[in-house]
Structures are given as structure tokens and as C-alpha cells.
C-alpha atoms as a PDB file:
ATOM      1  CA  UNK A   1       8.589 -14.330 -18.853  1.00  0.00           C
ATOM      2  CA  UNK A   2      11.717 -12.106 -18.925  1.00  0.00           C
ATOM      3  CA  UNK A   3      14.981 -13.879 -17.817  1.00  0.00           C
ATOM      4  CA  UNK A   4      15.232 -11.665 -14.808  1.00  0.00           C
ATOM      5  CA  UNK A   5      11.622 -11.758 -13.709  1.00  0.00           C
ATOM      6  CA  UNK A   6      12.223 -13.976 -10.643  1.00  0.00           C
ATOM      7  CA  UNK A   7      15.107 -11.896  -9.462  1.00  0.00           C
ATOM      8  CA  UNK A   8      13.142  -9.338  -7.418  1.00  0.00           C
ATOM      9  CA  UNK A   9      13.300  -7.841  -4.018  1.00  0.00           C
ATOM     10  CA  UNK A  10      10.793  -9.109  -1.487  1.00  0.00           C
ATOM     11  CA  UNK A  11       7.818  -6.836  -0.767  1.00  0.00           C
ATOM     12  CA  UNK A  12       8.729  -3.962   1.613  1.00  0.00           C
ATOM     13  CA  UNK A  13       5.442  -4.258   3.495  1.00  0.00           C
ATOM     14  CA  UNK A  14       3.675  -7.324   4.857  1.00  0.00           C
ATOM     15  CA  UNK A  15      -0.078  -8.119   5.310  1.00  0.00           C
ATOM     16  CA  UNK A  16      -1.194  -6.516   8.520  1.00  0.00           C
ATOM     17  CA  UNK A  17       1.127  -3.604   8.432  1.00  0.00           C
ATOM     18  CA  UNK A  18      -0.157  -0.038   8.807  1.00  0.00           C
ATOM     19  CA  UNK A  19       0.775   2.230   5.825  1.00  0.00           C
ATOM     20  CA  UNK A  20      -0.054   5.671   4.427  1.00  0.00           C
ATOM     21  CA  UNK A  21       0.531   7.458   1.130  1.00  0.00           C
ATOM     22  CA  UNK A  22       3.919   9.207   1.253  1.00  0.00           C
ATOM     23  CA  UNK A  23       4.520  12.830   0.318  1.00  0.00           C
ATOM     24  CA  UNK A  24       0.860  13.766   0.605  1.00  0.00           C
ATOM     25  CA  UNK A  25       0.960  15.487   4.035  1.00  0.00           C
ATOM     26  CA  UNK A  26      -1.465  15.186   6.927  1.00  0.00           C
ATOM     27  CA  UNK A  27      -4.416  14.497   4.569  1.00  0.00           C
ATOM     28  CA  UNK A  28      -2.845  11.256   3.433  1.00  0.00           C
ATOM     29  CA  UNK A  29      -5.071   8.249   3.278  1.00  0.00           C
ATOM     30  CA  UNK A  30      -3.851   5.381   5.467  1.00  0.00           C
ATOM     31  CA  UNK A  31      -4.945   1.828   6.242  1.00  0.00           C
ATOM     32  CA  UNK A  32      -3.718  -1.767   6.625  1.00  0.00           C
ATOM     33  CA  UNK A  33      -2.089  -3.906   3.932  1.00  0.00           C
ATOM     34  CA  UNK A  34      -4.337  -6.879   3.062  1.00  0.00           C
ATOM     35  CA  UNK A  35      -2.546  -8.172   0.007  1.00  0.00           C
ATOM     36  CA  UNK A  36       0.028  -7.493  -2.637  1.00  0.00           C
ATOM     37  CA  UNK A  37       0.876  -8.459  -6.235  1.00  0.00           C
ATOM     38  CA  UNK A  38       3.599  -7.924  -8.722  1.00  0.00           C
ATOM     39  CA  UNK A  39       2.546  -5.793 -11.643  1.00  0.00           C
ATOM     40  CA  UNK A  40       3.869  -3.727 -14.517  1.00  0.00           C
ATOM     41  CA  UNK A  41       3.950  -0.057 -13.682  1.00  0.00           C
ATOM     42  CA  UNK A  42       3.637   1.866 -16.961  1.00  0.00           C
ATOM     43  CA  UNK A  43       4.759   5.240 -15.678  1.00  0.00           C
ATOM     44  CA  UNK A  44       8.197   3.768 -14.725  1.00  0.00           C
ATOM     45  CA  UNK A  45       8.228   1.099 -17.443  1.00  0.00           C
ATOM     46  CA  UNK A  46       9.076  -1.669 -14.974  1.00  0.00           C
ATOM     47  CA  UNK A  47       7.589  -4.310 -12.784  1.00  0.00           C
ATOM     48  CA  UNK A  48       6.894  -3.373  -9.112  1.00  0.00           C
ATOM     49  CA  UNK A  49       5.020  -4.453  -6.060  1.00  0.00           C
ATOM     50  CA  UNK A  50       1.476  -3.168  -5.731  1.00  0.00           C
ATOM     51  CA  UNK A  51      -0.477  -3.390  -2.522  1.00  0.00           C
ATOM     52  CA  UNK A  52      -4.132  -3.691  -1.686  1.00  0.00           C
ATOM     53  CA  UNK A  53      -5.008  -1.355   1.227  1.00  0.00           C
ATOM     54  CA  UNK A  54      -8.045  -1.514   3.482  1.00  0.00           C
ATOM     55  CA  UNK A  55      -8.607   2.183   4.192  1.00  0.00           C
ATOM     56  CA  UNK A  56      -9.164   3.368   7.739  1.00  0.00           C
ATOM     57  CA  UNK A  57     -12.606   4.648   8.517  1.00  0.00           C
ATOM     58  CA  UNK A  58     -11.294   8.217   8.986  1.00  0.00           C
ATOM     59  CA  UNK A  59      -9.255   8.235   5.832  1.00  0.00           C
ATOM     60  CA  UNK A  60     -10.371  11.035   3.488  1.00  0.00           C
ATOM     61  CA  UNK A  61     -11.209   8.565   0.625  1.00  0.00           C
ATOM     62  CA  UNK A  62     -13.137   6.219   3.056  1.00  0.00           C
ATOM     63  CA  UNK A  63     -16.276   8.320   2.346  1.00  0.00           C
ATOM     64  CA  UNK A  64     -16.584   6.728  -1.093  1.00  0.00           C
ATOM     65  CA  UNK A  65     -14.379   3.567  -0.996  1.00  0.00           C
ATOM     66  CA  UNK A  66     -13.159   0.996   1.524  1.00  0.00           C
ATOM     67  CA  UNK A  67     -10.136  -0.384  -0.432  1.00  0.00           C
ATOM     68  CA  UNK A  68      -7.487   1.039  -2.639  1.00  0.00           C
ATOM     69  CA  UNK A  69      -4.252  -0.030  -4.378  1.00  0.00           C
ATOM     70  CA  UNK A  70      -0.822   1.708  -4.271  1.00  0.00           C
ATOM     71  CA  UNK A  71       2.642   1.106  -5.646  1.00  0.00           C
ATOM     72  CA  UNK A  72       5.331   0.325  -3.162  1.00  0.00           C
ATOM     73  CA  UNK A  73       7.223   3.598  -3.811  1.00  0.00           C
ATOM     74  CA  UNK A  74       4.091   5.597  -2.988  1.00  0.00           C
ATOM     75  CA  UNK A  75       3.711   4.113   0.615  1.00  0.00           C
ATOM     76  CA  UNK A  76       5.369   4.483   3.943  1.00  0.00           C
ATOM     77  CA  UNK A  77       4.896   2.819   7.289  1.00  0.00           C
ATOM     78  CA  UNK A  78       2.463   4.399   9.699  1.00  0.00           C
ATOM     79  CA  UNK A  79       2.512   4.823  13.453  1.00  0.00           C
ATOM     80  CA  UNK A  80       1.326   1.805  15.442  1.00  0.00           C
ATOM     81  CA  UNK A  81      -1.374   3.670  17.337  1.00  0.00           C
ATOM     82  CA  UNK A  82      -3.468   3.851  14.272  1.00  0.00           C
ATOM     83  CA  UNK A  83      -3.889   0.091  14.437  1.00  0.00           C
ATOM     84  CA  UNK A  84      -6.525   0.700  17.009  1.00  0.00           C
ATOM     85  CA  UNK A  85      -8.940   1.617  14.256  1.00  0.00           C
ATOM     86  CA  UNK A  86      -9.051  -1.973  13.007  1.00  0.00           C
ATOM     87  CA  UNK A  87     -10.353  -5.129  14.588  1.00  0.00           C
ATOM     88  CA  UNK A  88      -7.605  -7.674  13.906  1.00  0.00           C
END
């Protein structure tokens, strides 16, 4: 492991938080964080947090998948009222 591997910031999002893809507009998929992992991001040539997202039933991509992954920099928090779509 690299010497600085353990010196990372904590994840920005926690399990159970509502998130959506940033900079996509009103059509952005959204859902709830159900997990995360630290992984190498080849586009940026660095290690970053990656999240597992359970897509909301009315997300555009939910027609063909229930779960997706996203890098931390690609996500933003969602409004709390969207939480009503999920049984917690």
C-alpha cells in the first residue's frame, strides 16, 4: 500500500442519505446510499470514494437497473422529501 493510503478524508455521504447525480439537471437519477468503497479512479489517477446507490423507482435509469455506482465528486445531497419513495 502507498505510504499515504490511510490518510484519507472520511466519506462525504453516509448510508441512508439521499443523493443525486450532480450537474445533470432535472433528469438526474437519484436514490439512497447503501454502501461505499475506496477505489482507484483512472480518469483522475487517484483513489476516491465510490458509492453504491439504490435508485429511486422514478429515476430515469430505474427502468433497466435498480442499483448504480458513482464517484463522490459526481454526487450531491438530495431534498429530504424524496425519502418517501423508500421503505426504511
